[in-house]
Structures are given as C-alpha cells and as structure tokens.
Amino acid sequence: MDFITIILIAIGLSFDTFAVSVSTGITVSGIRFWQAVKMAFTLSVFQTLMPLIGWFFGKQIEHLISDYDHWIAFGLLLIL
C-alpha cells in the first residue's frame, strides 16, 4: 500500500471512531473522564487490530482467490 492509501484509511477509521464518540457523548449523560478514556482506548485498539488482521488473512488466501477477486468484490457490493 502506498502512503496516501494508508492516510485515507486512517482518516476513514478516525471519522468512524469520532461518530461513535459523539453519539455516546450525546446519549450517555454523566460520563466521566476515565470512562471516556477507556472507551477511546478500546476503540483505538480495535480500529488498529481489525485492518491488520484483515490484511494478514488476506495475504494468506491471496493465491487462492486472485483469479476470482473481482467477482467476490462484485458479489459483496451487490449484497450491500
């Protein structure tokens, strides 16, 4: 992956975390600072690990699906 792609993925993930944080701040009254820190830490861990796990497993099965990857992408987008 080039640097621009990594930056764009990071921006997308940060917007997702920001939306969760804002909606939690609006709906949960009386949230304390350390609760917010724990939630932010948990979100950041998962936002870091999930793309890394996906990349690792994608590299493991790349040779199996490289001939059909465009059809898999088409099917997933069709479902969405």
C-alpha atoms as a PDB file:
ATOM      1  CA  MET A   1       0.000   0.000   0.000  1.00  0.00           C
ATOM      2  CA  ASP A   2       1.235   3.466  -0.695  1.00  0.00           C
ATOM      3  CA  PHE A   3       1.304   6.255   1.889  1.00  0.00           C
ATOM      4  CA  ILE A   4      -1.783   8.064   0.551  1.00  0.00           C
ATOM      5  CA  THR A   5      -3.900   4.906   0.833  1.00  0.00           C
ATOM      6  CA  ILE A   6      -2.818   4.383   4.427  1.00  0.00           C
ATOM      7  CA  ILE A   7      -3.632   8.002   5.283  1.00  0.00           C
ATOM      8  CA  LEU A   8      -7.077   7.738   3.667  1.00  0.00           C
ATOM      9  CA  ILE A   9      -7.863   4.538   5.581  1.00  0.00           C
ATOM     10  CA  ALA A  10      -6.711   6.188   8.816  1.00  0.00           C
ATOM     11  CA  ILE A  11      -8.940   9.208   8.165  1.00  0.00           C
ATOM     12  CA  GLY A  12     -11.933   6.965   7.460  1.00  0.00           C
ATOM     13  CA  LEU A  13     -11.389   4.980  10.638  1.00  0.00           C
ATOM     14  CA  SER A  14     -10.946   8.148  12.695  1.00  0.00           C
ATOM     15  CA  PHE A  15     -14.267   9.501  11.392  1.00  0.00           C
ATOM     16  CA  ASP A  16     -15.931   6.247  12.433  1.00  0.00           C
ATOM     17  CA  THR A  17     -14.474   6.492  15.941  1.00  0.00           C
ATOM     18  CA  PHE A  18     -15.373  10.170  16.128  1.00  0.00           C
ATOM     19  CA  ALA A  19     -19.002   9.405  15.236  1.00  0.00           C
ATOM     20  CA  VAL A  20     -19.202   6.743  17.961  1.00  0.00           C
ATOM     21  CA  SER A  21     -17.650   9.117  20.485  1.00  0.00           C
ATOM     22  CA  VAL A  22     -20.002  11.966  19.626  1.00  0.00           C
ATOM     23  CA  SER A  23     -23.106   9.782  19.729  1.00  0.00           C
ATOM     24  CA  THR A  24     -22.020   8.302  23.065  1.00  0.00           C
ATOM     25  CA  GLY A  25     -21.400  11.766  24.460  1.00  0.00           C
ATOM     26  CA  ILE A  26     -24.873  12.855  23.374  1.00  0.00           C
ATOM     27  CA  THR A  27     -26.770   9.807  24.648  1.00  0.00           C
ATOM     28  CA  VAL A  28     -24.898   8.943  27.864  1.00  0.00           C
ATOM     29  CA  SER A  29     -25.270  11.613  30.496  1.00  0.00           C
ATOM     30  CA  GLY A  30     -22.733  11.891  33.273  1.00  0.00           C
ATOM     31  CA  ILE A  31     -19.878  10.101  31.553  1.00  0.00           C
ATOM     32  CA  ARG A  32     -16.660  10.548  33.482  1.00  0.00           C
ATOM     33  CA  PHE A  33     -13.242  11.304  32.059  1.00  0.00           C
ATOM     34  CA  TRP A  34     -11.754   7.865  32.755  1.00  0.00           C
ATOM     35  CA  GLN A  35     -14.778   6.162  31.231  1.00  0.00           C
ATOM     36  CA  ALA A  36     -14.227   8.200  28.084  1.00  0.00           C
ATOM     37  CA  VAL A  37     -10.512   7.339  28.100  1.00  0.00           C
ATOM     38  CA  LYS A  38     -11.302   3.612  28.431  1.00  0.00           C
ATOM     39  CA  MET A  39     -13.782   3.813  25.581  1.00  0.00           C
ATOM     40  CA  ALA A  40     -11.331   5.735  23.381  1.00  0.00           C
ATOM     41  CA  PHE A  41      -8.570   3.218  24.146  1.00  0.00           C
ATOM     42  CA  THR A  42     -10.854   0.276  23.333  1.00  0.00           C
ATOM     43  CA  LEU A  43     -11.952   1.856  20.052  1.00  0.00           C
ATOM     44  CA  SER A  44      -8.379   2.649  19.065  1.00  0.00           C
ATOM     45  CA  VAL A  45      -7.214  -0.906  19.786  1.00  0.00           C
ATOM     46  CA  PHE A  46      -9.968  -2.422  17.668  1.00  0.00           C
ATOM     47  CA  GLN A  47      -9.584   0.165  14.895  1.00  0.00           C
ATOM     48  CA  THR A  48      -5.893  -0.785  14.755  1.00  0.00           C
ATOM     49  CA  LEU A  49      -6.218  -4.554  15.040  1.00  0.00           C
ATOM     50  CA  MET A  50      -9.077  -5.200  12.627  1.00  0.00           C
ATOM     51  CA  PRO A  51      -7.360  -3.846   9.475  1.00  0.00           C
ATOM     52  CA  LEU A  52      -4.122  -5.613  10.452  1.00  0.00           C
ATOM     53  CA  ILE A  53      -5.916  -8.924  10.967  1.00  0.00           C
ATOM     54  CA  GLY A  54      -7.765  -8.478   7.665  1.00  0.00           C
ATOM     55  CA  TRP A  55      -4.529  -7.691   5.858  1.00  0.00           C
ATOM     56  CA  PHE A  56      -2.777 -10.715   7.398  1.00  0.00           C
ATOM     57  CA  PHE A  57      -5.522 -13.180   6.492  1.00  0.00           C
ATOM     58  CA  GLY A  58      -5.971 -11.590   3.075  1.00  0.00           C
ATOM     59  CA  LYS A  59      -2.289 -12.178   2.326  1.00  0.00           C
ATOM     60  CA  GLN A  60      -2.685 -15.823   3.426  1.00  0.00           C
ATOM     61  CA  ILE A  61      -5.506 -16.548   0.960  1.00  0.00           C
ATOM     62  CA  GLU A  62      -4.433 -14.199  -1.825  1.00  0.00           C
ATOM     63  CA  HIS A  63      -3.163 -17.026  -4.022  1.00  0.00           C
ATOM     64  CA  LEU A  64      -6.488 -18.880  -3.670  1.00  0.00           C
ATOM     65  CA  ILE A  65      -8.810 -16.062  -4.719  1.00  0.00           C
ATOM     66  CA  SER A  66      -6.695 -13.869  -7.001  1.00  0.00           C
ATOM     67  CA  ASP A  67      -8.398 -15.240 -10.121  1.00  0.00           C
ATOM     68  CA  TYR A  68     -11.881 -14.549  -8.736  1.00  0.00           C
ATOM     69  CA  ASP A  69     -11.325 -11.487  -6.561  1.00  0.00           C
ATOM     70  CA  HIS A  70     -13.217  -9.138  -8.876  1.00  0.00           C
ATOM     71  CA  TRP A  71     -16.281 -11.412  -8.767  1.00  0.00           C
ATOM     72  CA  ILE A  72     -16.093 -11.638  -4.973  1.00  0.00           C
ATOM     73  CA  ALA A  73     -15.950  -7.837  -4.757  1.00  0.00           C
ATOM     74  CA  PHE A  74     -18.881  -7.572  -7.173  1.00  0.00           C
ATOM     75  CA  GLY A  75     -20.941 -10.031  -5.089  1.00  0.00           C
ATOM     76  CA  LEU A  76     -20.208  -8.186  -1.842  1.00  0.00           C
ATOM     77  CA  LEU A  77     -21.121  -4.849  -3.370  1.00  0.00           C
ATOM     78  CA  LEU A  78     -24.286  -6.392  -4.814  1.00  0.00           C
ATOM     79  CA  ILE A  79     -25.294  -7.578  -1.347  1.00  0.00           C
ATOM     80  CA  LEU A  80     -24.695  -4.122   0.100  1.00  0.00           C
END
